[in-house]
Amino acid sequence: MTCEDAHLYMHDYISGELASEHRKNLMDHMDDCPDCKEFFRQTEYIQQTMRNHMQYKAPFELQNTISSLLTNA
């Protein structure tokens, strides 16, 4: 696995969407590549931070409007 491949797989791994046949290759690569391991650590931190702080609940009126549109579609 190249570093470029590893970077592409990291986001899917963090979100739990990486196919099992790629997980071991990604982990093995990061064990051998300190740069990718650090990139993974930073990427994971950024994604987790965004998940924790970027949650937005739509106003009740908007929720009702969308629900009505979906019901009447």
PDB file of N, CA and C in Angstrom:
ATOM      1  N   MET A   1       0.855  -1.177   0.000  1.00  0.00           N
ATOM      2  CA  MET A   1       0.000   0.000   0.000  1.00  0.00           C
ATOM      3  C   MET A   1       0.892   1.228   0.000  1.00  0.00           C
ATOM      4  N   THR A   2       0.547   2.192  -0.810  1.00  0.00           N
ATOM      5  CA  THR A   2       1.278   3.454  -0.841  1.00  0.00           C
ATOM      6  C   THR A   2       0.687   4.417   0.187  1.00  0.00           C
ATOM      7  N   CYS A   3       1.430   5.465   0.468  1.00  0.00           N
ATOM      8  CA  CYS A   3       0.922   6.493   1.381  1.00  0.00           C
ATOM      9  C   CYS A   3      -0.340   7.133   0.809  1.00  0.00           C
ATOM     10  N   GLU A   4      -0.359   7.336  -0.500  1.00  0.00           N
ATOM     11  CA  GLU A   4      -1.538   7.919  -1.135  1.00  0.00           C
ATOM     12  C   GLU A   4      -2.762   7.027  -0.938  1.00  0.00           C
ATOM     13  N   ASP A   5      -2.598   5.719  -1.113  1.00  0.00           N
ATOM     14  CA  ASP A   5      -3.698   4.784  -0.867  1.00  0.00           C
ATOM     15  C   ASP A   5      -4.155   4.865   0.587  1.00  0.00           C
ATOM     16  N   ALA A   6      -3.193   4.887   1.490  1.00  0.00           N
ATOM     17  CA  ALA A   6      -3.512   4.931   2.922  1.00  0.00           C
ATOM     18  C   ALA A   6      -4.339   6.168   3.249  1.00  0.00           C
ATOM     19  N   HIS A   7      -3.951   7.306   2.697  1.00  0.00           N
ATOM     20  CA  HIS A   7      -4.692   8.550   2.969  1.00  0.00           C
ATOM     21  C   HIS A   7      -6.127   8.453   2.461  1.00  0.00           C
ATOM     22  N   LEU A   8      -6.314   7.806   1.332  1.00  0.00           N
ATOM     23  CA  LEU A   8      -7.669   7.647   0.795  1.00  0.00           C
ATOM     24  C   LEU A   8      -8.525   6.753   1.690  1.00  0.00           C
ATOM     25  N   TYR A   9      -7.924   5.735   2.274  1.00  0.00           N
ATOM     26  CA  TYR A   9      -8.668   4.779   3.105  1.00  0.00           C
ATOM     27  C   TYR A   9      -8.947   5.290   4.518  1.00  0.00           C
ATOM     28  N   MET A  10      -8.165   6.233   4.985  1.00  0.00           N
ATOM     29  CA  MET A  10      -8.281   6.676   6.378  1.00  0.00           C
ATOM     30  C   MET A  10      -9.662   7.215   6.723  1.00  0.00           C
ATOM     31  N   HIS A  11     -10.231   8.034   5.873  1.00  0.00           N
ATOM     32  CA  HIS A  11     -11.536   8.621   6.177  1.00  0.00           C
ATOM     33  C   HIS A  11     -12.604   7.537   6.302  1.00  0.00           C
ATOM     34  N   ASP A  12     -12.570   6.567   5.401  1.00  0.00           N
ATOM     35  CA  ASP A  12     -13.538   5.471   5.476  1.00  0.00           C
ATOM     36  C   ASP A  12     -13.313   4.628   6.729  1.00  0.00           C
ATOM     37  N   TYR A  13     -12.060   4.433   7.103  1.00  0.00           N
ATOM     38  CA  TYR A  13     -11.761   3.662   8.311  1.00  0.00           C
ATOM     39  C   TYR A  13     -12.321   4.372   9.538  1.00  0.00           C
ATOM     40  N   ILE A  14     -12.064   5.657   9.637  1.00  0.00           N
ATOM     41  CA  ILE A  14     -12.509   6.435  10.802  1.00  0.00           C
ATOM     42  C   ILE A  14     -14.027   6.439  10.909  1.00  0.00           C
ATOM     43  N   SER A  15     -14.709   6.493   9.773  1.00  0.00           N
ATOM     44  CA  SER A  15     -16.177   6.513   9.807  1.00  0.00           C
ATOM     45  C   SER A  15     -16.777   5.112   9.868  1.00  0.00           C
ATOM     46  N   GLY A  16     -15.922   4.079   9.902  1.00  0.00           N
ATOM     47  CA  GLY A  16     -16.401   2.706  10.014  1.00  0.00           C
ATOM     48  C   GLY A  16     -16.900   2.129   8.707  1.00  0.00           C
ATOM     49  N   GLU A  17     -16.514   2.725   7.597  1.00  0.00           N
ATOM     50  CA  GLU A  17     -17.018   2.300   6.299  1.00  0.00           C
ATOM     51  C   GLU A  17     -15.971   1.589   5.438  1.00  0.00           C
ATOM     52  N   LEU A  18     -14.773   1.393   5.946  1.00  0.00           N
ATOM     53  CA  LEU A  18     -13.724   0.757   5.151  1.00  0.00           C
ATOM     54  C   LEU A  18     -13.954  -0.745   5.086  1.00  0.00           C
ATOM     55  N   ALA A  19     -13.917  -1.280   3.889  1.00  0.00           N
ATOM     56  CA  ALA A  19     -14.103  -2.719   3.691  1.00  0.00           C
ATOM     57  C   ALA A  19     -13.032  -3.487   4.454  1.00  0.00           C
ATOM     58  N   SER A  20     -13.431  -4.608   5.015  1.00  0.00           N
ATOM     59  CA  SER A  20     -12.527  -5.379   5.872  1.00  0.00           C
ATOM     60  C   SER A  20     -11.246  -5.798   5.167  1.00  0.00           C
ATOM     61  N   GLU A  21     -11.305  -6.044   3.864  1.00  0.00           N
ATOM     62  CA  GLU A  21     -10.097  -6.477   3.162  1.00  0.00           C
ATOM     63  C   GLU A  21      -9.036  -5.371   3.073  1.00  0.00           C
ATOM     64  N   HIS A  22      -9.421  -4.114   3.327  1.00  0.00           N
ATOM     65  CA  HIS A  22      -8.459  -3.015   3.289  1.00  0.00           C
ATOM     66  C   HIS A  22      -7.967  -2.614   4.677  1.00  0.00           C
ATOM     67  N   ARG A  23      -8.687  -2.989   5.715  1.00  0.00           N
ATOM     68  CA  ARG A  23      -8.316  -2.572   7.084  1.00  0.00           C
ATOM     69  C   ARG A  23      -6.924  -3.046   7.476  1.00  0.00           C
ATOM     70  N   LYS A  24      -6.667  -4.325   7.298  1.00  0.00           N
ATOM     71  CA  LYS A  24      -5.364  -4.873   7.700  1.00  0.00           C
ATOM     72  C   LYS A  24      -4.235  -4.210   6.923  1.00  0.00           C
ATOM     73  N   ASN A  25      -4.438  -4.007   5.627  1.00  0.00           N
ATOM     74  CA  ASN A  25      -3.403  -3.352   4.825  1.00  0.00           C
ATOM     75  C   ASN A  25      -3.126  -1.940   5.332  1.00  0.00           C
ATOM     76  N   LEU A  26      -4.181  -1.225   5.682  1.00  0.00           N
ATOM     77  CA  LEU A  26      -4.018   0.132   6.206  1.00  0.00           C
ATOM     78  C   LEU A  26      -3.266   0.100   7.537  1.00  0.00           C
ATOM     79  N   MET A  27      -3.664  -0.773   8.434  1.00  0.00           N
ATOM     80  CA  MET A  27      -3.002  -0.866   9.742  1.00  0.00           C
ATOM     81  C   MET A  27      -1.538  -1.269   9.587  1.00  0.00           C
ATOM     82  N   ASP A  28      -1.279  -2.235   8.717  1.00  0.00           N
ATOM     83  CA  ASP A  28       0.102  -2.672   8.477  1.00  0.00           C
ATOM     84  C   ASP A  28       0.941  -1.521   7.925  1.00  0.00           C
ATOM     85  N   HIS A  29       0.361  -0.772   7.004  1.00  0.00           N
ATOM     86  CA  HIS A  29       1.091   0.352   6.424  1.00  0.00           C
ATOM     87  C   HIS A  29       1.417   1.385   7.504  1.00  0.00           C
ATOM     88  N   MET A  30       0.442   1.707   8.350  1.00  0.00           N
ATOM     89  CA  MET A  30       0.686   2.710   9.390  1.00  0.00           C
ATOM     90  C   MET A  30       1.698   2.228  10.421  1.00  0.00           C
ATOM     91  N   ASP A  31       1.756   0.906  10.653  1.00  0.00           N
ATOM     92  CA  ASP A  31       2.776   0.369  11.561  1.00  0.00           C
ATOM     93  C   ASP A  31       4.181   0.618  11.025  1.00  0.00           C
ATOM     94  N   ASP A  32       4.303   0.645   9.689  1.00  0.00           N
ATOM     95  CA  ASP A  32       5.614   0.817   9.052  1.00  0.00           C
ATOM     96  C   ASP A  32       5.898   2.252   8.620  1.00  0.00           C
ATOM     97  N   CYS A  33       4.894   3.124   8.682  1.00  0.00           N
ATOM     98  CA  CYS A  33       5.050   4.481   8.160  1.00  0.00           C
ATOM     99  C   CYS A  33       4.644   5.514   9.218  1.00  0.00           C
ATOM    100  N   PRO A  34       5.623   6.065   9.924  1.00  0.00           N
ATOM    101  CA  PRO A  34       5.289   7.042  10.971  1.00  0.00           C
ATOM    102  C   PRO A  34       4.585   8.294  10.437  1.00  0.00           C
ATOM    103  N   ASP A  35       4.884   8.688   9.200  1.00  0.00           N
ATOM    104  CA  ASP A  35       4.215   9.865   8.631  1.00  0.00           C
ATOM    105  C   ASP A  35       2.720   9.614   8.460  1.00  0.00           C
ATOM    106  N   CYS A  36       2.365   8.435   7.950  1.00  0.00           N
ATOM    107  CA  CYS A  36       0.949   8.114   7.771  1.00  0.00           C
ATOM    108  C   CYS A  36       0.255   7.920   9.118  1.00  0.00           C
ATOM    109  N   LYS A  37       0.975   7.365  10.065  1.00  0.00           N
ATOM    110  CA  LYS A  37       0.400   7.176  11.403  1.00  0.00           C
ATOM    111  C   LYS A  37       0.054   8.537  12.018  1.00  0.00           C
ATOM    112  N   GLU A  38       0.937   9.507  11.853  1.00  0.00           N
ATOM    113  CA  GLU A  38       0.686  10.851  12.369  1.00  0.00           C
ATOM    114  C   GLU A  38      -0.444  11.524  11.584  1.00  0.00           C
ATOM    115  N   PHE A  39      -0.460  11.355  10.276  1.00  0.00           N
ATOM    116  CA  PHE A  39      -1.523  11.918   9.448  1.00  0.00           C
ATOM    117  C   PHE A  39      -2.869  11.334   9.876  1.00  0.00           C
ATOM    118  N   PHE A  40      -2.901  10.031  10.153  1.00  0.00           N
ATOM    119  CA  PHE A  40      -4.119   9.370  10.618  1.00  0.00           C
ATOM    120  C   PHE A  40      -4.566   9.957  11.950  1.00  0.00           C
ATOM    121  N   ARG A  41      -3.641  10.127  12.878  1.00  0.00           N
ATOM    122  CA  ARG A  41      -3.962  10.677  14.191  1.00  0.00           C
ATOM    123  C   ARG A  41      -4.578  12.070  14.048  1.00  0.00           C
ATOM    124  N   GLN A  42      -3.994  12.896  13.202  1.00  0.00           N
ATOM    125  CA  GLN A  42      -4.516  14.243  12.992  1.00  0.00           C
ATOM    126  C   GLN A  42      -5.882  14.217  12.308  1.00  0.00           C
ATOM    127  N   THR A  43      -6.025  13.366  11.320  1.00  0.00           N
ATOM    128  CA  THR A  43      -7.289  13.254  10.594  1.00  0.00           C
ATOM    129  C   THR A  43      -8.403  12.784  11.519  1.00  0.00           C
ATOM    130  N   GLU A  44      -8.105  11.788  12.334  1.00  0.00           N
ATOM    131  CA  GLU A  44      -9.087  11.267  13.292  1.00  0.00           C
ATOM    132  C   GLU A  44      -9.495  12.353  14.281  1.00  0.00           C
ATOM    133  N   TYR A  45      -8.531  13.121  14.762  1.00  0.00           N
ATOM    134  CA  TYR A  45      -8.815  14.195  15.705  1.00  0.00           C
ATOM    135  C   TYR A  45      -9.722  15.256  15.068  1.00  0.00           C
ATOM    136  N   ILE A  46      -9.410  15.643  13.845  1.00  0.00           N
ATOM    137  CA  ILE A  46     -10.202  16.667  13.153  1.00  0.00           C
ATOM    138  C   ILE A  46     -11.635  16.178  12.941  1.00  0.00           C
ATOM    139  N   GLN A  47     -11.784  14.945  12.472  1.00  0.00           N
ATOM    140  CA  GLN A  47     -13.132  14.425  12.233  1.00  0.00           C
ATOM    141  C   GLN A  47     -13.926  14.328  13.530  1.00  0.00           C
ATOM    142  N   GLN A  48     -13.288  13.874  14.589  1.00  0.00           N
ATOM    143  CA  GLN A  48     -13.978  13.754  15.876  1.00  0.00           C
ATOM    144  C   GLN A  48     -14.368  15.129  16.402  1.00  0.00           C
ATOM    145  N   THR A  49     -13.473  16.084  16.283  1.00  0.00           N
ATOM    146  CA  THR A  49     -13.755  17.443  16.746  1.00  0.00           C
ATOM    147  C   THR A  49     -14.927  18.038  15.972  1.00  0.00           C
ATOM    148  N   MET A  50     -14.930  17.846  14.665  1.00  0.00           N
ATOM    149  CA  MET A  50     -16.030  18.368  13.858  1.00  0.00           C
ATOM    150  C   MET A  50     -17.345  17.696  14.238  1.00  0.00           C
ATOM    151  N   ARG A  51     -17.326  16.393  14.462  1.00  0.00           N
ATOM    152  CA  ARG A  51     -18.547  15.682  14.865  1.00  0.00           C
ATOM    153  C   ARG A  51     -19.075  16.225  16.184  1.00  0.00           C
ATOM    154  N   ASN A  52     -18.180  16.511  17.105  1.00  0.00           N
ATOM    155  CA  ASN A  52     -18.589  16.969  18.437  1.00  0.00           C
ATOM    156  C   ASN A  52     -19.079  18.414  18.456  1.00  0.00           C
ATOM    157  N   HIS A  53     -18.540  19.239  17.591  1.00  0.00           N
ATOM    158  CA  HIS A  53     -18.831  20.668  17.670  1.00  0.00           C
ATOM    159  C   HIS A  53     -19.678  21.210  16.531  1.00  0.00           C
ATOM    160  N   MET A  54     -19.919  20.429  15.528  1.00  0.00           N
ATOM    161  CA  MET A  54     -20.635  20.936  14.369  1.00  0.00           C
ATOM    162  C   MET A  54     -22.051  20.360  14.269  1.00  0.00           C
ATOM    163  N   GLN A  55     -22.560  19.879  15.362  1.00  0.00           N
ATOM    164  CA  GLN A  55     -23.913  19.342  15.335  1.00  0.00           C
ATOM    165  C   GLN A  55     -24.898  20.504  15.373  1.00  0.00           C
ATOM    166  N   TYR A  56     -25.846  20.456  14.479  1.00  0.00           N
ATOM    167  CA  TYR A  56     -26.835  21.509  14.373  1.00  0.00           C
ATOM    168  C   TYR A  56     -28.205  20.871  14.275  1.00  0.00           C
ATOM    169  N   LYS A  57     -29.095  21.305  15.105  1.00  0.00           N
ATOM    170  CA  LYS A  57     -30.458  20.805  15.051  1.00  0.00           C
ATOM    171  C   LYS A  57     -31.310  21.839  14.327  1.00  0.00           C
ATOM    172  N   ALA A  58     -31.974  21.384  13.288  1.00  0.00           N
ATOM    173  CA  ALA A  58     -32.822  22.278  12.500  1.00  0.00           C
ATOM    174  C   ALA A  58     -33.959  22.797  13.370  1.00  0.00           C
ATOM    175  N   PRO A  59     -34.374  24.054  13.134  1.00  0.00           N
ATOM    176  CA  PRO A  59     -35.515  24.602  13.871  1.00  0.00           C
ATOM    177  C   PRO A  59     -36.762  23.748  13.647  1.00  0.00           C
ATOM    178  N   PHE A  60     -37.623  23.743  14.632  1.00  0.00           N
ATOM    179  CA  PHE A  60     -38.836  22.932  14.603  1.00  0.00           C
ATOM    180  C   PHE A  60     -39.657  23.197  13.342  1.00  0.00           C
ATOM    181  N   GLU A  61     -39.771  24.462  12.954  1.00  0.00           N
ATOM    182  CA  GLU A  61     -40.562  24.815  11.768  1.00  0.00           C
ATOM    183  C   GLU A  61     -39.985  24.175  10.507  1.00  0.00           C
ATOM    184  N   LEU A  62     -38.664  24.184  10.391  1.00  0.00           N
ATOM    185  CA  LEU A  62     -38.015  23.576   9.233  1.00  0.00           C
ATOM    186  C   LEU A  62     -38.223  22.067   9.231  1.00  0.00           C
ATOM    187  N   GLN A  63     -38.120  21.448  10.396  1.00  0.00           N
ATOM    188  CA  GLN A  63     -38.354  20.003  10.502  1.00  0.00           C
ATOM    189  C   GLN A  63     -39.770  19.663  10.032  1.00  0.00           C
ATOM    190  N   ASN A  64     -40.753  20.449  10.475  1.00  0.00           N
ATOM    191  CA  ASN A  64     -42.149  20.217  10.081  1.00  0.00           C
ATOM    192  C   ASN A  64     -42.347  20.406   8.584  1.00  0.00           C
ATOM    193  N   THR A  65     -41.737  21.433   8.024  1.00  0.00           N
ATOM    194  CA  THR A  65     -41.873  21.697   6.592  1.00  0.00           C
ATOM    195  C   THR A  65     -41.299  20.540   5.783  1.00  0.00           C
ATOM    196  N   ILE A  66     -40.130  20.085   6.141  1.00  0.00           N
ATOM    197  CA  ILE A  66     -39.503  18.973   5.428  1.00  0.00           C
ATOM    198  C   ILE A  66     -40.331  17.700   5.584  1.00  0.00           C
ATOM    199  N   SER A  67     -40.799  17.468   6.789  1.00  0.00           N
ATOM    200  CA  SER A  67     -41.631  16.280   7.032  1.00  0.00           C
ATOM    201  C   SER A  67     -42.899  16.324   6.173  1.00  0.00           C
ATOM    202  N   SER A  68     -43.529  17.492   6.106  1.00  0.00           N
ATOM    203  CA  SER A  68     -44.737  17.648   5.287  1.00  0.00           C
ATOM    204  C   SER A  68     -44.447  17.400   3.812  1.00  0.00           C
ATOM    205  N   LEU A  69     -43.341  17.949   3.342  1.00  0.00           N
ATOM    206  CA  LEU A  69     -42.974  17.757   1.940  1.00  0.00           C
ATOM    207  C   LEU A  69     -42.716  16.292   1.623  1.00  0.00           C
ATOM    208  N   LEU A  70     -42.070  15.596   2.527  1.00  0.00           N
ATOM    209  CA  LEU A  70     -41.791  14.172   2.311  1.00  0.00           C
ATOM    210  C   LEU A  70     -43.057  13.335   2.372  1.00  0.00           C
ATOM    211  N   THR A  71     -43.962  13.692   3.257  1.00  0.00           N
ATOM    212  CA  THR A  71     -45.213  12.974   3.398  1.00  0.00           C
ATOM    213  C   THR A  71     -46.084  13.160   2.164  1.00  0.00           C
ATOM    214  N   ASN A  72     -46.073  14.348   1.601  1.00  0.00           N
ATOM    215  CA  ASN A  72     -46.917  14.666   0.440  1.00  0.00           C
ATOM    216  C   ASN A  72     -46.252  14.336  -0.897  1.00  0.00           C
ATOM    217  N   ALA A  73     -45.049  13.877  -0.851  1.00  0.00           N
ATOM    218  CA  ALA A  73     -44.330  13.591  -2.116  1.00  0.00           C
ATOM    219  C   ALA A  73     -44.847  12.352  -2.795  1.00  0.00           C
TER     220      ALA A  73
END
